[in-house]
């Protein structure tokens, strides 16, 4: 499945609004990492990542996100994962990365 990353800078709230669509795995995690790092280099600000259309991530994707988070922290910024699906949230919990990232649940949860 193709990876699509849409981004726009929200000047009013001073953050990046990012939507990741598809799957992030060994084959495209470097692409995701490069895109997110380029946003931070362009304008250091919090990354608000909408994961509503993110269907799958693997360990390489987790590693890429950790690397981006480390870079963001150097700028005094953070990463927020919103609308994360249950299967992906479970992966973050298993790896204890739910304690490292700011995670909000699936928007369809009750």
Protein backbone atom coordinates (compact mmCIF):
# COMPACT_ATOMS: atom_id res chain seq x y z
CA UNK A 1 0.00 0.00 0.00
CA UNK A 2 1.21 3.46 -0.89
CA UNK A 3 2.32 5.86 1.83
CA UNK A 4 0.85 9.34 1.60
CA UNK A 5 1.93 12.11 3.97
CA UNK A 6 0.06 15.41 3.85
CA UNK A 7 1.26 18.34 5.94
CA UNK A 8 0.48 21.97 6.55
CA UNK A 9 1.80 24.45 9.04
CA UNK A 10 -0.82 25.87 11.42
CA UNK A 11 0.57 29.34 12.12
CA UNK A 12 -2.18 30.18 14.59
CA UNK A 13 -1.28 27.23 16.85
CA UNK A 14 2.39 27.09 15.80
CA UNK A 15 2.38 23.39 14.89
CA UNK A 16 2.52 21.05 11.94
CA UNK A 17 -0.74 19.29 11.09
CA UNK A 18 0.23 16.00 9.46
CA UNK A 19 -1.85 13.15 8.09
CA UNK A 20 -0.26 9.80 7.39
CA UNK A 21 -2.24 7.49 5.12
CA UNK A 22 -1.51 3.85 4.35
CA UNK A 23 1.17 1.67 5.86
CA UNK A 24 4.64 2.46 7.17
CA UNK A 25 7.11 -0.40 7.08
CA UNK A 26 10.65 -1.39 6.18
CA UNK A 27 10.17 -0.24 2.60
CA UNK A 28 9.00 3.32 3.28
CA UNK A 29 9.84 4.21 6.90
CA UNK A 30 12.92 6.13 5.72
CA UNK A 31 10.67 8.21 3.47
CA UNK A 32 8.39 9.05 6.42
CA UNK A 33 11.36 9.90 8.62
CA UNK A 34 12.89 12.16 5.98
CA UNK A 35 9.60 13.98 5.41
CA UNK A 36 9.00 14.61 9.13
CA UNK A 37 12.59 15.72 9.72
CA UNK A 38 12.37 18.12 6.77
CA UNK A 39 9.28 19.71 8.33
CA UNK A 40 11.15 20.24 11.60
CA UNK A 41 14.11 21.72 9.72
CA UNK A 42 11.81 24.02 7.77
CA UNK A 43 10.00 25.29 10.86
CA UNK A 44 10.64 23.76 14.30
CA UNK A 45 7.24 23.17 15.91
CA UNK A 46 5.18 20.38 17.45
CA UNK A 47 4.12 17.64 15.04
CA UNK A 48 0.43 16.77 15.35
CA UNK A 49 0.06 13.51 13.43
CA UNK A 50 -3.43 12.34 12.53
CA UNK A 51 -3.26 8.55 12.31
CA UNK A 52 -6.93 7.96 11.40
CA UNK A 53 -5.91 6.57 7.99
CA UNK A 54 -2.73 4.87 9.14
CA UNK A 55 -3.43 1.16 8.81
CA UNK A 56 -0.15 -0.47 9.81
CA UNK A 57 3.31 0.25 11.17
CA UNK A 58 6.20 -2.09 11.90
CA UNK A 59 9.28 -1.88 14.09
CA UNK A 60 11.25 0.11 11.51
CA UNK A 61 8.47 2.70 11.48
CA UNK A 62 8.59 2.85 15.28
CA UNK A 63 12.35 3.40 15.09
CA UNK A 64 11.86 6.18 12.57
CA UNK A 65 9.30 7.88 14.81
CA UNK A 66 11.66 7.64 17.79
CA UNK A 67 14.42 9.25 15.71
CA UNK A 68 12.09 12.07 14.67
CA UNK A 69 10.97 12.53 18.29
CA UNK A 70 14.59 12.80 19.42
CA UNK A 71 15.18 15.49 16.80
CA UNK A 72 11.97 17.29 17.76
CA UNK A 73 13.00 17.32 21.43
CA UNK A 74 16.30 18.97 20.45
CA UNK A 75 14.18 21.84 19.08
CA UNK A 76 12.05 21.87 22.23
CA UNK A 77 9.14 20.35 20.31
CA UNK A 78 7.05 17.21 20.69
CA UNK A 79 5.04 14.69 18.67
CA UNK A 80 1.34 14.08 19.24
CA UNK A 81 -0.33 11.03 17.68
CA UNK A 82 -4.08 11.49 17.25
CA UNK A 83 -6.87 9.13 16.20
CA UNK A 84 -4.59 6.12 16.47
CA UNK A 85 -6.19 2.77 15.66
CA UNK A 86 -6.38 0.06 18.29
CA UNK A 87 -3.94 -2.33 16.55
CA UNK A 88 -1.30 0.41 16.30
CA UNK A 89 -1.91 1.66 19.84
CA UNK A 90 -1.36 -1.92 21.01
CA UNK A 91 2.08 -1.96 19.37
CA UNK A 92 3.01 1.25 21.17
CA UNK A 93 1.89 -0.28 24.48
CA UNK A 94 3.79 -3.54 23.94
CA UNK A 95 6.99 -1.58 23.26
CA UNK A 96 6.30 0.91 26.09
CA UNK A 97 6.46 3.73 23.55
CA UNK A 98 3.02 4.83 24.75
CA UNK A 99 4.95 6.36 27.65
CA UNK A 100 7.25 8.27 25.27
CA UNK A 101 4.74 9.66 22.76
CA UNK A 102 1.64 11.75 23.42
CA UNK A 103 -1.10 9.43 22.17
CA UNK A 104 -4.81 10.08 21.79
CA UNK A 105 -7.09 7.15 20.98
CA UNK A 106 -9.21 6.35 17.98
CA UNK A 107 -11.71 9.12 17.32
CA UNK A 108 -14.40 6.44 17.01
CA UNK A 109 -13.83 5.06 20.51
CA UNK A 110 -16.49 5.70 23.12
